[in-house]
C-alpha atoms as a PDB file:
ATOM      1  CA  MET A   1     108.473 138.634  74.733  1.00  0.00           C
ATOM      2  CA  PRO A   2     111.054 136.618  76.496  1.00  0.00           C
ATOM      3  CA  ASN A   3     114.511 138.081  76.738  1.00  0.00           C
ATOM      4  CA  GLY A   4     117.357 135.628  75.816  1.00  0.00           C
ATOM      5  CA  LEU A   5     120.296 137.490  77.414  1.00  0.00           C
ATOM      6  CA  THR A   6     120.795 138.319  80.940  1.00  0.00           C
ATOM      7  CA  PRO A   7     122.054 141.984  81.748  1.00  0.00           C
ATOM      8  CA  GLU A   8     125.503 140.471  82.641  1.00  0.00           C
ATOM      9  CA  GLU A   9     125.708 138.565  79.237  1.00  0.00           C
ATOM     10  CA  ARG A  10     124.724 141.732  77.400  1.00  0.00           C
ATOM     11  CA  ARG A  11     127.512 143.673  79.069  1.00  0.00           C
ATOM     12  CA  GLU A  12     130.146 141.154  78.324  1.00  0.00           C
ATOM     13  CA  ILE A  13     129.166 140.707  74.677  1.00  0.00           C
ATOM     14  CA  ARG A  14     128.882 144.521  74.199  1.00  0.00           C
ATOM     15  CA  ALA A  15     132.375 145.009  75.769  1.00  0.00           C
ATOM     16  CA  GLN A  16     133.879 142.344  73.369  1.00  0.00           C
ATOM     17  CA  LEU A  17     132.048 143.894  70.370  1.00  0.00           C
ATOM     18  CA  GLU A  18     133.144 147.404  71.308  1.00  0.00           C
ATOM     19  CA  ARG A  19     136.759 146.225  71.556  1.00  0.00           C
ATOM     20  CA  THR A  20     136.733 144.664  68.212  1.00  0.00           C
ATOM     21  CA  PHE A  21     134.253 146.847  66.164  1.00  0.00           C
ATOM     22  CA  GLU A  22     133.268 150.529  65.928  1.00  0.00           C
ATOM     23  CA  LYS A  23     130.284 151.588  68.161  1.00  0.00           C
ATOM     24  CA  SER A  24     127.759 151.560  65.302  1.00  0.00           C
ATOM     25  CA  VAL A  25     128.751 148.173  64.185  1.00  0.00           C
ATOM     26  CA  ALA A  26     128.883 146.856  67.796  1.00  0.00           C
ATOM     27  CA  ASP A  27     125.356 148.289  68.310  1.00  0.00           C
ATOM     28  CA  ALA A  28     124.000 146.654  65.159  1.00  0.00           C
ATOM     29  CA  LEU A  29     125.641 143.351  66.022  1.00  0.00           C
ATOM     30  CA  MET A  30     124.395 143.594  69.627  1.00  0.00           C
ATOM     31  CA  GLU A  31     120.818 144.174  68.267  1.00  0.00           C
ATOM     32  CA  VAL A  32     121.210 141.066  66.042  1.00  0.00           C
ATOM     33  CA  PHE A  33     122.523 138.984  68.957  1.00  0.00           C
ATOM     34  CA  GLU A  34     119.610 140.125  71.137  1.00  0.00           C
ATOM     35  CA  ARG A  35     117.140 139.317  68.355  1.00  0.00           C
ATOM     36  CA  ILE A  36     118.726 135.872  67.932  1.00  0.00           C
ATOM     37  CA  ALA A  37     118.722 135.220  71.634  1.00  0.00           C
ATOM     38  CA  GLU A  38     115.090 136.404  71.895  1.00  0.00           C
ATOM     39  CA  ARG A  39     114.057 134.154  68.996  1.00  0.00           C
ATOM     40  CA  GLN A  40     115.903 131.199  70.513  1.00  0.00           C
ATOM     41  CA  ALA A  41     114.094 132.028  73.870  1.00  0.00           C
ATOM     42  CA  GLU A  42     110.901 132.038  72.065  1.00  0.00           C
ATOM     43  CA  ILE A  43     111.559 128.715  70.426  1.00  0.00           C
ATOM     44  CA  ALA A  44     112.577 127.242  73.638  1.00  0.00           C
ATOM     45  CA  LEU A  45     109.494 128.563  75.297  1.00  0.00           C
ATOM     46  CA  ARG A  46     107.279 127.132  72.564  1.00  0.00           C
ATOM     47  CA  GLU A  47     109.011 123.723  72.894  1.00  0.00           C
ATOM     48  CA  GLU A  48     108.514 123.964  76.743  1.00  0.00           C
ATOM     49  CA  LEU A  49     104.924 124.890  76.170  1.00  0.00           C
ATOM     50  CA  ARG A  50     104.484 121.979  73.717  1.00  0.00           C
ATOM     51  CA  ALA A  51     106.167 119.608  76.238  1.00  0.00           C
ATOM     52  CA  LEU A  52     103.955 121.032  79.039  1.00  0.00           C
ATOM     53  CA  TYR A  53     100.851 120.503  76.800  1.00  0.00           C
ATOM     54  CA  GLY A  54     101.881 116.939  76.105  1.00  0.00           C
ATOM     55  CA  ILE A  55     102.305 116.500  79.953  1.00  0.00           C
ATOM     56  CA  VAL A  56      98.927 118.125  80.512  1.00  0.00           C
ATOM     57  CA  GLN A  57      97.357 115.711  77.892  1.00  0.00           C
ATOM     58  CA  GLU A  58      99.009 112.731  79.584  1.00  0.00           C
ATOM     59  CA  MET A  59      97.835 113.923  82.877  1.00  0.00           C
ATOM     60  CA  ALA A  60      94.326 114.399  81.512  1.00  0.00           C
ATOM     61  CA  VAL A  61      94.347 110.731  80.215  1.00  0.00           C
ATOM     62  CA  ALA A  62      95.733 109.515  83.561  1.00  0.00           C
ATOM     63  CA  LEU A  63      93.054 111.446  85.284  1.00  0.00           C
ATOM     64  CA  ARG A  64      90.332 109.946  83.273  1.00  0.00           C
ATOM     65  CA  ASP A  65      91.848 106.440  83.867  1.00  0.00           C
ATOM     66  CA  LEU A  66      92.010 107.304  87.525  1.00  0.00           C
ATOM     67  CA  GLN A  67      88.383 108.515  87.569  1.00  0.00           C
ATOM     68  CA  ARG A  68      87.353 105.273  85.907  1.00  0.00           C
ATOM     69  CA  ALA A  69      89.511 103.266  88.359  1.00  0.00           C
ATOM     70  CA  VAL A  70      87.792 105.158  91.324  1.00  0.00           C
ATOM     71  CA  ALA A  71      84.307 104.568  89.761  1.00  0.00           C
ATOM     72  CA  GLN A  72      85.068 100.851  89.462  1.00  0.00           C
ATOM     73  CA  LEU A  73      86.387 100.711  92.979  1.00  0.00           C
ATOM     74  CA  THR A  74      83.282 102.562  94.257  1.00  0.00           C
ATOM     75  CA  GLU A  75      81.076 100.062  92.543  1.00  0.00           C
ATOM     76  CA  ALA A  76      83.168  97.224  93.945  1.00  0.00           C
ATOM     77  CA  GLN A  77      83.004  98.769  97.364  1.00  0.00           C
ATOM     78  CA  ALA A  78      79.158  98.993  97.067  1.00  0.00           C
ATOM     79  CA  ARG A  79      78.964  95.255  96.011  1.00  0.00           C
ATOM     80  CA  THR A  80      81.382  94.351  98.871  1.00  0.00           C
ATOM     81  CA  GLU A  81      79.245  96.288 101.391  1.00  0.00           C
ATOM     82  CA  GLU A  82      76.155  94.499 100.008  1.00  0.00           C
ATOM     83  CA  ARG A  83      77.817  91.120 100.381  1.00  0.00           C
ATOM     84  CA  LEU A  84      78.983  92.035 103.746  1.00  0.00           C
ATOM     85  CA  GLY A  85      75.348  92.817 104.743  1.00  0.00           C
ATOM     86  CA  ARG A  86      74.189  89.514 103.441  1.00  0.00           C
ATOM     87  CA  LEU A  87      76.941  87.793 105.404  1.00  0.00           C
ATOM     88  CA  GLU A  88      75.992  89.684 108.537  1.00  0.00           C
ATOM     89  CA  GLU A  89      72.419  88.475 107.990  1.00  0.00           C
ATOM     90  CA  ALA A  90      73.556  84.872 107.454  1.00  0.00           C
ATOM     91  CA  ILE A  91      75.724  85.052 110.627  1.00  0.00           C
ATOM     92  CA  VAL A  92      72.627  86.287 112.587  1.00  0.00           C
ATOM     93  CA  HIS A  93      70.598  83.359 111.163  1.00  0.00           C
ATOM     94  CA  LEU A  94      73.291  80.927 111.812  1.00  0.00           C
ATOM     95  CA  THR A  95      73.731  82.097 115.370  1.00  0.00           C
ATOM     96  CA  GLU A  96      69.965  81.799 115.909  1.00  0.00           C
ATOM     97  CA  ALA A  97      70.131  78.316 114.353  1.00  0.00           C
ATOM     98  CA  GLN A  98      73.027  77.450 116.510  1.00  0.00           C
ATOM     99  CA  ALA A  99      71.117  78.448 119.608  1.00  0.00           C
ATOM    100  CA  ARG A 100      68.138  76.333 118.548  1.00  0.00           C
ATOM    101  CA  THR A 101      70.570  73.473 117.833  1.00  0.00           C
ATOM    102  CA  GLU A 102      72.251  73.794 121.313  1.00  0.00           C
ATOM    103  CA  GLU A 103      68.770  73.867 122.894  1.00  0.00           C
ATOM    104  CA  ARG A 104      67.699  70.700 120.904  1.00  0.00           C
ATOM    105  CA  VAL A 105      71.026  69.076 121.951  1.00  0.00           C
ATOM    106  CA  GLY A 106      70.371  69.888 125.555  1.00  0.00           C
ATOM    107  CA  ARG A 107      66.878  68.301 125.320  1.00  0.00           C
ATOM    108  CA  LEU A 108      68.460  65.214 123.644  1.00  0.00           C
ATOM    109  CA  GLU A 109      71.011  65.011 126.311  1.00  0.00           C
ATOM    110  CA  GLU A 110      68.270  64.973 128.960  1.00  0.00           C
ATOM    111  CA  ARG A 111      66.373  62.295 126.980  1.00  0.00           C
ATOM    112  CA  THR A 112      69.583  60.300 126.491  1.00  0.00           C
ATOM    113  CA  SER A 113      70.196  60.438 130.290  1.00  0.00           C
ATOM    114  CA  ARG A 114      66.667  59.430 130.985  1.00  0.00           C
ATOM    115  CA  LEU A 115      67.039  56.539 128.419  1.00  0.00           C
ATOM    116  CA  GLU A 116      70.246  55.470 129.967  1.00  0.00           C
ATOM    117  CA  GLU A 117      68.627  55.288 133.428  1.00  0.00           C
ATOM    118  CA  ALA A 118      65.691  53.344 131.818  1.00  0.00           C
ATOM    119  CA  VAL A 119      68.127  50.957 130.169  1.00  0.00           C
ATOM    120  CA  THR A 120      70.000  50.530 133.489  1.00  0.00           C
ATOM    121  CA  ARG A 121      66.589  49.789 135.192  1.00  0.00           C
ATOM    122  CA  LEU A 122      65.694  47.372 132.305  1.00  0.00           C
ATOM    123  CA  VAL A 123      69.080  45.701 132.570  1.00  0.00           C
ATOM    124  CA  GLU A 124      68.354  45.177 136.355  1.00  0.00           C
ATOM    125  CA  VAL A 125      64.873  43.961 135.768  1.00  0.00           C
ATOM    126  CA  GLN A 126      66.203  41.727 132.889  1.00  0.00           C
ATOM    127  CA  ALA A 127      68.755  40.230 135.354  1.00  0.00           C
ATOM    128  CA  ARG A 128      65.940  39.544 137.896  1.00  0.00           C
ATOM    129  CA  MET A 129      63.826  38.084 135.179  1.00  0.00           C
ATOM    130  CA  GLU A 130      66.585  35.858 134.170  1.00  0.00           C
ATOM    131  CA  GLU A 131      67.053  34.769 137.746  1.00  0.00           C
ATOM    132  CA  ARG A 132      63.226  34.017 138.062  1.00  0.00           C
ATOM    133  CA  VAL A 133      63.143  32.231 134.772  1.00  0.00           C
ATOM    134  CA  GLY A 134      66.185  30.219 136.045  1.00  0.00           C
ATOM    135  CA  ARG A 135      64.244  29.371 139.142  1.00  0.00           C
ATOM    136  CA  LEU A 136      61.200  28.511 137.083  1.00  0.00           C
ATOM    137  CA  GLU A 137      63.317  26.246 134.837  1.00  0.00           C
ATOM    138  CA  GLU A 138      64.483  24.468 137.982  1.00  0.00           C
ATOM    139  CA  ALA A 139      60.946  24.186 139.307  1.00  0.00           C
ATOM    140  CA  VAL A 140      59.725  22.883 135.916  1.00  0.00           C
ATOM    141  CA  ALA A 141      62.506  20.411 135.919  1.00  0.00           C
ATOM    142  CA  GLN A 142      61.549  19.274 139.320  1.00  0.00           C
ATOM    143  CA  LEU A 143      57.947  19.223 138.397  1.00  0.00           C
ATOM    144  CA  THR A 144      58.915  17.147 135.294  1.00  0.00           C
ATOM    145  CA  ALA A 145      60.885  14.787 137.393  1.00  0.00           C
ATOM    146  CA  ALA A 146      58.036  14.530 139.960  1.00  0.00           C
ATOM    147  CA  GLN A 147      55.620  13.992 137.023  1.00  0.00           C
ATOM    148  CA  ALA A 148      57.856  11.264 135.678  1.00  0.00           C
ATOM    149  CA  ARG A 149      57.982   9.572 139.112  1.00  0.00           C
ATOM    150  CA  MET A 150      54.249  10.074 139.509  1.00  0.00           C
ATOM    151  CA  GLU A 151      53.594   8.440 136.170  1.00  0.00           C
ATOM    152  CA  GLU A 152      55.902   5.632 137.109  1.00  0.00           C
ATOM    153  CA  ARG A 153      54.004   5.078 140.466  1.00  0.00           C
ATOM    154  CA  VAL A 154      50.678   5.373 138.691  1.00  0.00           C
ATOM    155  CA  GLY A 155      51.888   2.800 136.144  1.00  0.00           C
ATOM    156  CA  ARG A 156      52.920   0.480 139.045  1.00  0.00           C
ATOM    157  CA  LEU A 157      49.618   0.974 140.765  1.00  0.00           C
ATOM    158  CA  GLU A 158      47.771   0.190 137.469  1.00  0.00           C
ATOM    159  CA  GLU A 159      49.798  -3.030 137.123  1.00  0.00           C
ATOM    160  CA  ALA A 160      49.218  -3.896 140.668  1.00  0.00           C
ATOM    161  CA  MET A 161      45.484  -3.353 140.328  1.00  0.00           C
ATOM    162  CA  ALA A 162      45.173  -5.258 137.190  1.00  0.00           C
END
């Protein structure tokens, strides 16, 4: 049983009671005061226990909530790790695709370079062709003029022979 009075409080109260009352009355009053103090201590203890019980209940609820939150976080972590794994796979595939693309771009650059060289050669050949066509046009023009002169001479010869 909890004791409500400290030894010092007992001495002070007893001394005051003995100054005011006879010893038997002081003893009886002291016993009553001790019982009252014990009863108050018991009541205070019960109230503290109730308060502690309430706190324990709140902590139990908080613990359940915390356990639920931890379970949800664990599930979320597992999903995140799964997604991270898929992302890592995707990065590997993208890296491989990038390497293949770079290889293809390299081949295309080589082809483009060869095409540029071929186009340069074709431009040169085209220029020479145009030059030759120009000379052929001149030759055709000269031949046409010579033909016209020839026809004129043949025409005159025909007239002279007729």
